[in-house]
Amino acid sequence: PFKASDISEFLRSVVSHTSFTFAWIAVYKACGWKDIVVILAEETRFRGHFELHKREMKNAGMNVKIEAQILDPLAQTDAVMKRIKFSKYRIIQALTFQNTWRAMLCSAREI
């Protein structure tokens, strides 16, 4: 069976909502990451954070290479992850609930 420990390059952190964007941009800068995929879950909870994150990334000199919205993880995740894999991007920022990022991890492992 699949275990989270099977993934060597997964970082999951929880910061306050008001610090989320700026904390991750600091990580992007520290790691030298410029091209980022940004995934949005449902509108009500995440749209404001999503738009703020994209705007602040641009202001910090980063590029949103792919943006996608996953409303139904079981139905949509594989297509999004295939698009990311085909484009060869490695850094994904997911503004989502657990069920979506878990589906993304499982899909990435299978694709």
PDB file of N, CA and C in Angstrom:
ATOM      1  N   PRO A   1       0.820  -1.206   0.000  1.00  0.00           N
ATOM      2  CA  PRO A   1       0.000   0.000   0.000  1.00  0.00           C
ATOM      3  C   PRO A   1       0.860   1.266   0.000  1.00  0.00           C
ATOM      4  N   PHE A   2       0.312   2.304  -0.554  1.00  0.00           N
ATOM      5  CA  PHE A   2       0.999   3.590  -0.635  1.00  0.00           C
ATOM      6  C   PHE A   2       1.104   4.241   0.742  1.00  0.00           C
ATOM      7  N   LYS A   3       2.288   4.792   1.042  1.00  0.00           N
ATOM      8  CA  LYS A   3       2.503   5.533   2.292  1.00  0.00           C
ATOM      9  C   LYS A   3       3.065   6.903   1.940  1.00  0.00           C
ATOM     10  N   ALA A   4       2.743   7.887   2.749  1.00  0.00           N
ATOM     11  CA  ALA A   4       3.266   9.232   2.522  1.00  0.00           C
ATOM     12  C   ALA A   4       4.787   9.229   2.510  1.00  0.00           C
ATOM     13  N   SER A   5       5.407   8.346   3.252  1.00  0.00           N
ATOM     14  CA  SER A   5       6.872   8.288   3.299  1.00  0.00           C
ATOM     15  C   SER A   5       7.477   7.832   1.977  1.00  0.00           C
ATOM     16  N   ASP A   6       6.672   7.310   1.064  1.00  0.00           N
ATOM     17  CA  ASP A   6       7.166   6.894  -0.254  1.00  0.00           C
ATOM     18  C   ASP A   6       7.518   8.090  -1.132  1.00  0.00           C
ATOM     19  N   ILE A   7       7.049   9.271  -0.762  1.00  0.00           N
ATOM     20  CA  ILE A   7       7.317  10.477  -1.543  1.00  0.00           C
ATOM     21  C   ILE A   7       8.438  11.238  -0.855  1.00  0.00           C
ATOM     22  N   SER A   8       9.550  11.387  -1.542  1.00  0.00           N
ATOM     23  CA  SER A   8      10.712  12.003  -0.907  1.00  0.00           C
ATOM     24  C   SER A   8      10.716  13.522  -0.985  1.00  0.00           C
ATOM     25  N   GLU A   9       9.924  14.099  -1.852  1.00  0.00           N
ATOM     26  CA  GLU A   9       9.994  15.538  -2.062  1.00  0.00           C
ATOM     27  C   GLU A   9       8.667  16.226  -1.779  1.00  0.00           C
ATOM     28  N   PHE A  10       8.006  15.855  -0.704  1.00  0.00           N
ATOM     29  CA  PHE A  10       6.720  16.464  -0.382  1.00  0.00           C
ATOM     30  C   PHE A  10       6.864  17.300   0.879  1.00  0.00           C
ATOM     31  N   LEU A  11       6.441  18.546   0.793  1.00  0.00           N
ATOM     32  CA  LEU A  11       6.475  19.452   1.931  1.00  0.00           C
ATOM     33  C   LEU A  11       5.053  19.927   2.186  1.00  0.00           C
ATOM     34  N   ARG A  12       4.571  19.741   3.381  1.00  0.00           N
ATOM     35  CA  ARG A  12       3.234  20.213   3.744  1.00  0.00           C
ATOM     36  C   ARG A  12       3.378  21.071   4.982  1.00  0.00           C
ATOM     37  N   SER A  13       2.908  22.279   4.893  1.00  0.00           N
ATOM     38  CA  SER A  13       3.018  23.202   6.005  1.00  0.00           C
ATOM     39  C   SER A  13       1.683  23.908   6.188  1.00  0.00           C
ATOM     40  N   VAL A  14       1.393  24.287   7.407  1.00  0.00           N
ATOM     41  CA  VAL A  14       0.173  25.038   7.686  1.00  0.00           C
ATOM     42  C   VAL A  14       0.575  26.347   8.350  1.00  0.00           C
ATOM     43  N   VAL A  15       0.233  27.446   7.713  1.00  0.00           N
ATOM     44  CA  VAL A  15       0.487  28.771   8.280  1.00  0.00           C
ATOM     45  C   VAL A  15      -0.852  29.495   8.350  1.00  0.00           C
ATOM     46  N   SER A  16      -0.887  30.584   9.065  1.00  0.00           N
ATOM     47  CA  SER A  16      -2.143  31.331   9.157  1.00  0.00           C
ATOM     48  C   SER A  16      -2.549  31.849   7.785  1.00  0.00           C
ATOM     49  N   HIS A  17      -3.846  32.024   7.579  1.00  0.00           N
ATOM     50  CA  HIS A  17      -4.345  32.458   6.271  1.00  0.00           C
ATOM     51  C   HIS A  17      -3.730  33.777   5.825  1.00  0.00           C
ATOM     52  N   THR A  18      -3.502  34.687   6.744  1.00  0.00           N
ATOM     53  CA  THR A  18      -2.963  35.992   6.360  1.00  0.00           C
ATOM     54  C   THR A  18      -1.485  35.928   5.999  1.00  0.00           C
ATOM     55  N   SER A  19      -0.794  34.883   6.422  1.00  0.00           N
ATOM     56  CA  SER A  19       0.639  34.755   6.142  1.00  0.00           C
ATOM     57  C   SER A  19       0.941  33.752   5.041  1.00  0.00           C
ATOM     58  N   PHE A  20      -0.049  33.001   4.625  1.00  0.00           N
ATOM     59  CA  PHE A  20       0.137  31.903   3.683  1.00  0.00           C
ATOM     60  C   PHE A  20       0.921  32.313   2.441  1.00  0.00           C
ATOM     61  N   THR A  21       0.434  33.287   1.728  1.00  0.00           N
ATOM     62  CA  THR A  21       1.064  33.705   0.476  1.00  0.00           C
ATOM     63  C   THR A  21       2.494  34.147   0.691  1.00  0.00           C
ATOM     64  N   PHE A  22       2.726  34.969   1.672  1.00  0.00           N
ATOM     65  CA  PHE A  22       4.053  35.541   1.875  1.00  0.00           C
ATOM     66  C   PHE A  22       5.036  34.498   2.403  1.00  0.00           C
ATOM     67  N   ALA A  23       4.547  33.546   3.176  1.00  0.00           N
ATOM     68  CA  ALA A  23       5.407  32.451   3.655  1.00  0.00           C
ATOM     69  C   ALA A  23       5.850  31.587   2.485  1.00  0.00           C
ATOM     70  N   TRP A  24       4.931  31.236   1.594  1.00  0.00           N
ATOM     71  CA  TRP A  24       5.302  30.403   0.452  1.00  0.00           C
ATOM     72  C   TRP A  24       6.180  31.151  -0.539  1.00  0.00           C
ATOM     73  N   ILE A  25       5.952  32.419  -0.731  1.00  0.00           N
ATOM     74  CA  ILE A  25       6.834  33.182  -1.626  1.00  0.00           C
ATOM     75  C   ILE A  25       8.246  33.208  -1.058  1.00  0.00           C
ATOM     76  N   ALA A  26       8.391  33.304   0.255  1.00  0.00           N
ATOM     77  CA  ALA A  26       9.719  33.236   0.879  1.00  0.00           C
ATOM     78  C   ALA A  26      10.376  31.877   0.599  1.00  0.00           C
ATOM     79  N   VAL A  27       9.573  30.793   0.638  1.00  0.00           N
ATOM     80  CA  VAL A  27      10.105  29.458   0.311  1.00  0.00           C
ATOM     81  C   VAL A  27      10.533  29.416  -1.154  1.00  0.00           C
ATOM     82  N   TYR A  28       9.692  29.930  -2.062  1.00  0.00           N
ATOM     83  CA  TYR A  28      10.047  29.951  -3.487  1.00  0.00           C
ATOM     84  C   TYR A  28      11.386  30.661  -3.696  1.00  0.00           C
ATOM     85  N   LYS A  29      11.522  31.820  -3.067  1.00  0.00           N
ATOM     86  CA  LYS A  29      12.761  32.595  -3.217  1.00  0.00           C
ATOM     87  C   LYS A  29      13.958  31.840  -2.659  1.00  0.00           C
ATOM     88  N   ALA A  30      13.818  31.273  -1.458  1.00  0.00           N
ATOM     89  CA  ALA A  30      14.922  30.546  -0.826  1.00  0.00           C
ATOM     90  C   ALA A  30      15.372  29.357  -1.673  1.00  0.00           C
ATOM     91  N   CYS A  31      14.436  28.744  -2.374  1.00  0.00           N
ATOM     92  CA  CYS A  31      14.752  27.569  -3.200  1.00  0.00           C
ATOM     93  C   CYS A  31      15.100  27.931  -4.640  1.00  0.00           C
ATOM     94  N   GLY A  32      14.929  29.191  -4.997  1.00  0.00           N
ATOM     95  CA  GLY A  32      15.216  29.609  -6.371  1.00  0.00           C
ATOM     96  C   GLY A  32      14.155  29.184  -7.375  1.00  0.00           C
ATOM     97  N   TRP A  33      12.933  28.955  -6.901  1.00  0.00           N
ATOM     98  CA  TRP A  33      11.848  28.535  -7.780  1.00  0.00           C
ATOM     99  C   TRP A  33      11.190  29.747  -8.416  1.00  0.00           C
ATOM    100  N   LYS A  34      11.056  29.745  -9.730  1.00  0.00           N
ATOM    101  CA  LYS A  34      10.437  30.860 -10.455  1.00  0.00           C
ATOM    102  C   LYS A  34       9.122  30.478 -11.122  1.00  0.00           C
ATOM    103  N   ASP A  35       9.010  29.236 -11.577  1.00  0.00           N
ATOM    104  CA  ASP A  35       7.843  28.792 -12.333  1.00  0.00           C
ATOM    105  C   ASP A  35       6.994  27.874 -11.462  1.00  0.00           C
ATOM    106  N   ILE A  36       5.797  28.331 -11.128  1.00  0.00           N
ATOM    107  CA  ILE A  36       4.952  27.657 -10.160  1.00  0.00           C
ATOM    108  C   ILE A  36       3.601  27.322 -10.786  1.00  0.00           C
ATOM    109  N   VAL A  37       3.077  26.135 -10.473  1.00  0.00           N
ATOM    110  CA  VAL A  37       1.713  25.740 -10.818  1.00  0.00           C
ATOM    111  C   VAL A  37       0.844  26.066  -9.609  1.00  0.00           C
ATOM    112  N   VAL A  38      -0.289  26.703  -9.828  1.00  0.00           N
ATOM    113  CA  VAL A  38      -1.173  27.069  -8.728  1.00  0.00           C
ATOM    114  C   VAL A  38      -2.535  26.399  -8.947  1.00  0.00           C
ATOM    115  N   ILE A  39      -2.960  25.643  -7.928  1.00  0.00           N
ATOM    116  CA  ILE A  39      -4.217  24.902  -7.999  1.00  0.00           C
ATOM    117  C   ILE A  39      -5.203  25.502  -7.002  1.00  0.00           C
ATOM    118  N   LEU A  40      -6.415  25.713  -7.450  1.00  0.00           N
ATOM    119  CA  LEU A  40      -7.492  26.261  -6.628  1.00  0.00           C
ATOM    120  C   LEU A  40      -8.536  25.188  -6.388  1.00  0.00           C
ATOM    121  N   ALA A  41      -9.092  25.154  -5.186  1.00  0.00           N
ATOM    122  CA  ALA A  41     -10.219  24.253  -4.894  1.00  0.00           C
ATOM    123  C   ALA A  41     -11.507  25.067  -5.037  1.00  0.00           C
ATOM    124  N   GLU A  42     -12.380  24.937  -4.090  1.00  0.00           N
ATOM    125  CA  GLU A  42     -13.693  25.578  -4.213  1.00  0.00           C
ATOM    126  C   GLU A  42     -13.610  27.101  -4.056  1.00  0.00           C
ATOM    127  N   GLU A  43     -14.534  27.765  -4.696  1.00  0.00           N
ATOM    128  CA  GLU A  43     -14.535  29.230  -4.807  1.00  0.00           C
ATOM    129  C   GLU A  43     -14.641  29.971  -3.484  1.00  0.00           C
ATOM    130  N   THR A  44     -15.659  29.666  -2.711  1.00  0.00           N
ATOM    131  CA  THR A  44     -15.970  30.462  -1.526  1.00  0.00           C
ATOM    132  C   THR A  44     -14.794  30.549  -0.569  1.00  0.00           C
ATOM    133  N   ARG A  45     -14.145  29.461  -0.343  1.00  0.00           N
ATOM    134  CA  ARG A  45     -13.061  29.404   0.636  1.00  0.00           C
ATOM    135  C   ARG A  45     -11.738  29.921   0.093  1.00  0.00           C
ATOM    136  N   PHE A  46     -11.453  29.708  -1.175  1.00  0.00           N
ATOM    137  CA  PHE A  46     -10.090  29.899  -1.660  1.00  0.00           C
ATOM    138  C   PHE A  46      -9.879  30.964  -2.740  1.00  0.00           C
ATOM    139  N   ARG A  47     -10.902  31.486  -3.362  1.00  0.00           N
ATOM    140  CA  ARG A  47     -10.698  32.419  -4.495  1.00  0.00           C
ATOM    141  C   ARG A  47      -9.873  33.642  -4.101  1.00  0.00           C
ATOM    142  N   GLY A  48     -10.159  34.253  -2.971  1.00  0.00           N
ATOM    143  CA  GLY A  48      -9.400  35.428  -2.548  1.00  0.00           C
ATOM    144  C   GLY A  48      -7.924  35.117  -2.326  1.00  0.00           C
ATOM    145  N   HIS A  49      -7.634  34.006  -1.670  1.00  0.00           N
ATOM    146  CA  HIS A  49      -6.239  33.600  -1.453  1.00  0.00           C
ATOM    147  C   HIS A  49      -5.549  33.302  -2.783  1.00  0.00           C
ATOM    148  N   PHE A  50      -6.281  32.662  -3.683  1.00  0.00           N
ATOM    149  CA  PHE A  50      -5.755  32.299  -5.000  1.00  0.00           C
ATOM    150  C   PHE A  50      -5.329  33.547  -5.776  1.00  0.00           C
ATOM    151  N   GLU A  51      -6.215  34.518  -5.846  1.00  0.00           N
ATOM    152  CA  GLU A  51      -5.909  35.748  -6.588  1.00  0.00           C
ATOM    153  C   GLU A  51      -4.772  36.532  -5.914  1.00  0.00           C
ATOM    154  N   LEU A  52      -4.780  36.619  -4.594  1.00  0.00           N
ATOM    155  CA  LEU A  52      -3.697  37.277  -3.862  1.00  0.00           C
ATOM    156  C   LEU A  52      -2.372  36.567  -4.129  1.00  0.00           C
ATOM    157  N   HIS A  53      -2.378  35.256  -4.077  1.00  0.00           N
ATOM    158  CA  HIS A  53      -1.155  34.484  -4.283  1.00  0.00           C
ATOM    159  C   HIS A  53      -0.580  34.741  -5.676  1.00  0.00           C
ATOM    160  N   LYS A  54      -1.424  34.688  -6.685  1.00  0.00           N
ATOM    161  CA  LYS A  54      -0.949  34.939  -8.061  1.00  0.00           C
ATOM    162  C   LYS A  54      -0.393  36.358  -8.194  1.00  0.00           C
ATOM    163  N   ARG A  55      -1.097  37.332  -7.638  1.00  0.00           N
ATOM    164  CA  ARG A  55      -0.650  38.730  -7.741  1.00  0.00           C
ATOM    165  C   ARG A  55       0.694  38.934  -7.042  1.00  0.00           C
ATOM    166  N   GLU A  56       0.838  38.400  -5.836  1.00  0.00           N
ATOM    167  CA  GLU A  56       2.080  38.577  -5.089  1.00  0.00           C
ATOM    168  C   GLU A  56       3.230  37.787  -5.700  1.00  0.00           C
ATOM    169  N   MET A  57       2.926  36.631  -6.301  1.00  0.00           N
ATOM    170  CA  MET A  57       3.968  35.893  -7.026  1.00  0.00           C
ATOM    171  C   MET A  57       4.514  36.755  -8.169  1.00  0.00           C
ATOM    172  N   LYS A  58       3.616  37.345  -8.922  1.00  0.00           N
ATOM    173  CA  LYS A  58       4.029  38.205 -10.047  1.00  0.00           C
ATOM    174  C   LYS A  58       4.866  39.372  -9.528  1.00  0.00           C
ATOM    175  N   ASN A  59       4.422  40.004  -8.444  1.00  0.00           N
ATOM    176  CA  ASN A  59       5.165  41.121  -7.860  1.00  0.00           C
ATOM    177  C   ASN A  59       6.554  40.703  -7.390  1.00  0.00           C
ATOM    178  N   ALA A  60       6.703  39.426  -7.007  1.00  0.00           N
ATOM    179  CA  ALA A  60       7.985  38.914  -6.530  1.00  0.00           C
ATOM    180  C   ALA A  60       8.844  38.351  -7.671  1.00  0.00           C
ATOM    181  N   GLY A  61       8.357  38.452  -8.904  1.00  0.00           N
ATOM    182  CA  GLY A  61       9.140  38.006 -10.052  1.00  0.00           C
ATOM    183  C   GLY A  61       8.980  36.537 -10.407  1.00  0.00           C
ATOM    184  N   MET A  62       7.915  35.902  -9.892  1.00  0.00           N
ATOM    185  CA  MET A  62       7.653  34.509 -10.211  1.00  0.00           C
ATOM    186  C   MET A  62       6.578  34.412 -11.290  1.00  0.00           C
ATOM    187  N   ASN A  63       6.491  33.235 -11.893  1.00  0.00           N
ATOM    188  CA  ASN A  63       5.559  33.011 -12.982  1.00  0.00           C
ATOM    189  C   ASN A  63       4.550  31.932 -12.614  1.00  0.00           C
ATOM    190  N   VAL A  64       3.272  32.218 -12.841  1.00  0.00           N
ATOM    191  CA  VAL A  64       2.246  31.185 -12.733  1.00  0.00           C
ATOM    192  C   VAL A  64       2.232  30.487 -14.082  1.00  0.00           C
ATOM    193  N   LYS A  65       2.768  29.273 -14.135  1.00  0.00           N
ATOM    194  CA  LYS A  65       2.889  28.570 -15.408  1.00  0.00           C
ATOM    195  C   LYS A  65       1.605  27.850 -15.792  1.00  0.00           C
ATOM    196  N   ILE A  66       0.920  27.310 -14.814  1.00  0.00           N
ATOM    197  CA  ILE A  66      -0.383  26.671 -15.035  1.00  0.00           C
ATOM    198  C   ILE A  66      -1.246  27.042 -13.839  1.00  0.00           C
ATOM    199  N   GLU A  67      -2.486  27.385 -14.108  1.00  0.00           N
ATOM    200  CA  GLU A  67      -3.446  27.528 -13.012  1.00  0.00           C
ATOM    201  C   GLU A  67      -4.635  26.645 -13.352  1.00  0.00           C
ATOM    202  N   ALA A  68      -5.143  25.985 -12.331  1.00  0.00           N
ATOM    203  CA  ALA A  68      -6.259  25.062 -12.537  1.00  0.00           C
ATOM    204  C   ALA A  68      -7.147  25.080 -11.310  1.00  0.00           C
ATOM    205  N   GLN A  69      -8.372  24.658 -11.520  1.00  0.00           N
ATOM    206  CA  GLN A  69      -9.301  24.532 -10.406  1.00  0.00           C
ATOM    207  C   GLN A  69      -9.798  23.091 -10.364  1.00  0.00           C
ATOM    208  N   ILE A  70      -9.744  22.503  -9.176  1.00  0.00           N
ATOM    209  CA  ILE A  70     -10.228  21.137  -8.975  1.00  0.00           C
ATOM    210  C   ILE A  70     -11.393  21.203  -7.994  1.00  0.00           C
ATOM    211  N   LEU A  71     -12.586  21.021  -8.524  1.00  0.00           N
ATOM    212  CA  LEU A  71     -13.792  21.035  -7.693  1.00  0.00           C
ATOM    213  C   LEU A  71     -14.224  19.620  -7.301  1.00  0.00           C
ATOM    214  N   ASP A  72     -13.921  18.664  -8.156  1.00  0.00           N
ATOM    215  CA  ASP A  72     -14.258  17.261  -7.909  1.00  0.00           C
ATOM    216  C   ASP A  72     -12.970  16.450  -8.038  1.00  0.00           C
ATOM    217  N   PRO A  73     -12.259  16.230  -6.930  1.00  0.00           N
ATOM    218  CA  PRO A  73     -10.950  15.578  -6.995  1.00  0.00           C
ATOM    219  C   PRO A  73     -10.942  14.234  -7.720  1.00  0.00           C
ATOM    220  N   LEU A  74     -11.944  13.410  -7.513  1.00  0.00           N
ATOM    221  CA  LEU A  74     -11.947  12.098  -8.173  1.00  0.00           C
ATOM    222  C   LEU A  74     -12.112  12.218  -9.683  1.00  0.00           C
ATOM    223  N   ALA A  75     -12.849  13.196 -10.135  1.00  0.00           N
ATOM    224  CA  ALA A  75     -13.118  13.342 -11.560  1.00  0.00           C
ATOM    225  C   ALA A  75     -12.089  14.201 -12.294  1.00  0.00           C
ATOM    226  N   GLN A  76     -11.452  15.151 -11.610  1.00  0.00           N
ATOM    227  CA  GLN A  76     -10.624  16.136 -12.305  1.00  0.00           C
ATOM    228  C   GLN A  76      -9.120  16.020 -12.086  1.00  0.00           C
ATOM    229  N   THR A  77      -8.696  15.396 -11.021  1.00  0.00           N
ATOM    230  CA  THR A  77      -7.287  15.462 -10.636  1.00  0.00           C
ATOM    231  C   THR A  77      -6.354  14.832 -11.651  1.00  0.00           C
ATOM    232  N   ASP A  78      -6.685  13.657 -12.175  1.00  0.00           N
ATOM    233  CA  ASP A  78      -5.769  12.996 -13.118  1.00  0.00           C
ATOM    234  C   ASP A  78      -5.482  13.866 -14.337  1.00  0.00           C
ATOM    235  N   ALA A  79      -6.504  14.511 -14.885  1.00  0.00           N
ATOM    236  CA  ALA A  79      -6.293  15.360 -16.067  1.00  0.00           C
ATOM    237  C   ALA A  79      -5.373  16.536 -15.741  1.00  0.00           C
ATOM    238  N   VAL A  80      -5.570  17.139 -14.577  1.00  0.00           N
ATOM    239  CA  VAL A  80      -4.714  18.270 -14.174  1.00  0.00           C
ATOM    240  C   VAL A  80      -3.277  17.794 -13.973  1.00  0.00           C
ATOM    241  N   MET A  81      -3.092  16.678 -13.302  1.00  0.00           N
ATOM    242  CA  MET A  81      -1.742  16.173 -13.036  1.00  0.00           C
ATOM    243  C   MET A  81      -1.048  15.726 -14.325  1.00  0.00           C
ATOM    244  N   LYS A  82      -1.787  15.176 -15.269  1.00  0.00           N
ATOM    245  CA  LYS A  82      -1.199  14.816 -16.568  1.00  0.00           C
ATOM    246  C   LYS A  82      -0.721  16.067 -17.297  1.00  0.00           C
ATOM    247  N   ARG A  83      -1.519  17.120 -17.255  1.00  0.00           N
ATOM    248  CA  ARG A  83      -1.125  18.394 -17.891  1.00  0.00           C
ATOM    249  C   ARG A  83       0.159  18.931 -17.261  1.00  0.00           C
ATOM    250  N   ILE A  84       0.251  18.864 -15.933  1.00  0.00           N
ATOM    251  CA  ILE A  84       1.446  19.335 -15.235  1.00  0.00           C
ATOM    252  C   ILE A  84       2.644  18.470 -15.607  1.00  0.00           C
ATOM    253  N   LYS A  85       2.461  17.161 -15.612  1.00  0.00           N
ATOM    254  CA  LYS A  85       3.564  16.255 -15.963  1.00  0.00           C
ATOM    255  C   LYS A  85       4.026  16.500 -17.394  1.00  0.00           C
ATOM    256  N   PHE A  86       3.095  16.611 -18.325  1.00  0.00           N
ATOM    257  CA  PHE A  86       3.437  16.848 -19.726  1.00  0.00           C
ATOM    258  C   PHE A  86       4.223  18.153 -19.890  1.00  0.00           C
ATOM    259  N   SER A  87       3.867  19.159 -19.097  1.00  0.00           N
ATOM    260  CA  SER A  87       4.547  20.461 -19.161  1.00  0.00           C
ATOM    261  C   SER A  87       5.870  20.468 -18.403  1.00  0.00           C
ATOM    262  N   LYS A  88       6.119  19.429 -17.598  1.00  0.00           N
ATOM    263  CA  LYS A  88       7.371  19.239 -16.859  1.00  0.00           C
ATOM    264  C   LYS A  88       7.598  20.267 -15.754  1.00  0.00           C
ATOM    265  N   TYR A  89       6.521  20.748 -15.168  1.00  0.00           N
ATOM    266  CA  TYR A  89       6.662  21.625 -14.008  1.00  0.00           C
ATOM    267  C   TYR A  89       6.689  20.782 -12.752  1.00  0.00           C
ATOM    268  N   ARG A  90       7.466  21.194 -11.759  1.00  0.00           N
ATOM    269  CA  ARG A  90       7.666  20.388 -10.563  1.00  0.00           C
ATOM    270  C   ARG A  90       7.121  21.037  -9.291  1.00  0.00           C
ATOM    271  N   ILE A  91       6.903  22.334  -9.297  1.00  0.00           N
ATOM    272  CA  ILE A  91       6.493  23.029  -8.085  1.00  0.00           C
ATOM    273  C   ILE A  91       5.012  23.367  -8.185  1.00  0.00           C
ATOM    274  N   ILE A  92       4.224  22.828  -7.254  1.00  0.00           N
ATOM    275  CA  ILE A  92       2.773  23.019  -7.265  1.00  0.00           C
ATOM    276  C   ILE A  92       2.347  23.636  -5.940  1.00  0.00           C
ATOM    277  N   GLN A  93       1.642  24.751  -6.013  1.00  0.00           N
ATOM    278  CA  GLN A  93       1.054  25.369  -4.828  1.00  0.00           C
ATOM    279  C   GLN A  93      -0.443  25.095  -4.885  1.00  0.00           C
ATOM    280  N   ALA A  94      -0.955  24.341  -3.926  1.00  0.00           N
ATOM    281  CA  ALA A  94      -2.364  23.972  -3.924  1.00  0.00           C
ATOM    282  C   ALA A  94      -3.092  24.702  -2.803  1.00  0.00           C
ATOM    283  N   LEU A  95      -4.041  25.527  -3.162  1.00  0.00           N
ATOM    284  CA  LEU A  95      -4.895  26.211  -2.196  1.00  0.00           C
ATOM    285  C   LEU A  95      -6.180  25.398  -2.120  1.00  0.00           C
ATOM    286  N   THR A  96      -6.124  24.325  -1.349  1.00  0.00           N
ATOM    287  CA  THR A  96      -7.179  23.315  -1.378  1.00  0.00           C
ATOM    288  C   THR A  96      -7.405  22.711  -0.003  1.00  0.00           C
ATOM    289  N   PHE A  97      -8.419  21.888   0.073  1.00  0.00           N
ATOM    290  CA  PHE A  97      -8.654  21.070   1.256  1.00  0.00           C
ATOM    291  C   PHE A  97      -7.863  19.773   1.129  1.00  0.00           C
ATOM    292  N   GLN A  98      -7.802  19.007   2.207  1.00  0.00           N
ATOM    293  CA  GLN A  98      -7.035  17.760   2.237  1.00  0.00           C
ATOM    294  C   GLN A  98      -7.436  16.781   1.152  1.00  0.00           C
ATOM    295  N   ASN A  99      -8.718  16.638   0.888  1.00  0.00           N
ATOM    296  CA  ASN A  99      -9.130  15.637  -0.104  1.00  0.00           C
ATOM    297  C   ASN A  99      -8.544  15.940  -1.481  1.00  0.00           C
ATOM    298  N   THR A 100      -8.371  17.220  -1.808  1.00  0.00           N
ATOM    299  CA  THR A 100      -7.813  17.572  -3.121  1.00  0.00           C
ATOM    300  C   THR A 100      -6.324  17.309  -3.162  1.00  0.00           C
ATOM    301  N   TRP A 101      -5.567  17.764  -2.167  1.00  0.00           N
ATOM    302  CA  TRP A 101      -4.128  17.527  -2.254  1.00  0.00           C
ATOM    303  C   TRP A 101      -3.781  16.063  -2.087  1.00  0.00           C
ATOM    304  N   ARG A 102      -4.592  15.309  -1.350  1.00  0.00           N
ATOM    305  CA  ARG A 102      -4.364  13.860  -1.284  1.00  0.00           C
ATOM    306  C   ARG A 102      -4.603  13.214  -2.647  1.00  0.00           C
ATOM    307  N   ALA A 103      -5.648  13.633  -3.332  1.00  0.00           N
ATOM    308  CA  ALA A 103      -5.913  13.117  -4.676  1.00  0.00           C
ATOM    309  C   ALA A 103      -4.771  13.492  -5.615  1.00  0.00           C
ATOM    310  N   MET A 104      -4.215  14.689  -5.453  1.00  0.00           N
ATOM    311  CA  MET A 104      -3.096  15.113  -6.298  1.00  0.00           C
ATOM    312  C   MET A 104      -1.868  14.225  -6.059  1.00  0.00           C
ATOM    313  N   LEU A 105      -1.585  13.924  -4.796  1.00  0.00           N
ATOM    314  CA  LEU A 105      -0.445  13.052  -4.470  1.00  0.00           C
ATOM    315  C   LEU A 105      -0.639  11.657  -5.073  1.00  0.00           C
ATOM    316  N   CYS A 106      -1.811  11.099  -4.890  1.00  0.00           N
ATOM    317  CA  CYS A 106      -2.075   9.765  -5.422  1.00  0.00           C
ATOM    318  C   CYS A 106      -1.998   9.756  -6.942  1.00  0.00           C
ATOM    319  N   SER A 107      -2.563  10.769  -7.565  1.00  0.00           N
ATOM    320  CA  SER A 107      -2.532  10.859  -9.026  1.00  0.00           C
ATOM    321  C   SER A 107      -1.102  11.005  -9.526  1.00  0.00           C
ATOM    322  N   ALA A 108      -0.324  11.847  -8.892  1.00  0.00           N
ATOM    323  CA  ALA A 108       1.068  12.052  -9.314  1.00  0.00           C
ATOM    324  C   ALA A 108       1.860  10.763  -9.214  1.00  0.00           C
ATOM    325  N   ARG A 109       1.595   9.990  -8.203  1.00  0.00           N
ATOM    326  CA  ARG A 109       2.304   8.726  -8.027  1.00  0.00           C
ATOM    327  C   ARG A 109       1.934   7.727  -9.117  1.00  0.00           C
ATOM    328  N   GLU A 110       0.681   7.739  -9.538  1.00  0.00           N
ATOM    329  CA  GLU A 110       0.210   6.765 -10.536  1.00  0.00           C
ATOM    330  C   GLU A 110       0.530   7.161 -11.968  1.00  0.00           C
ATOM    331  N   ILE A 111       0.692   8.439 -12.228  1.00  0.00           N
ATOM    332  CA  ILE A 111       0.879   8.913 -13.613  1.00  0.00           C
ATOM    333  C   ILE A 111       2.322   8.744 -14.043  1.00  0.00           C
TER     334      ILE A 111
END
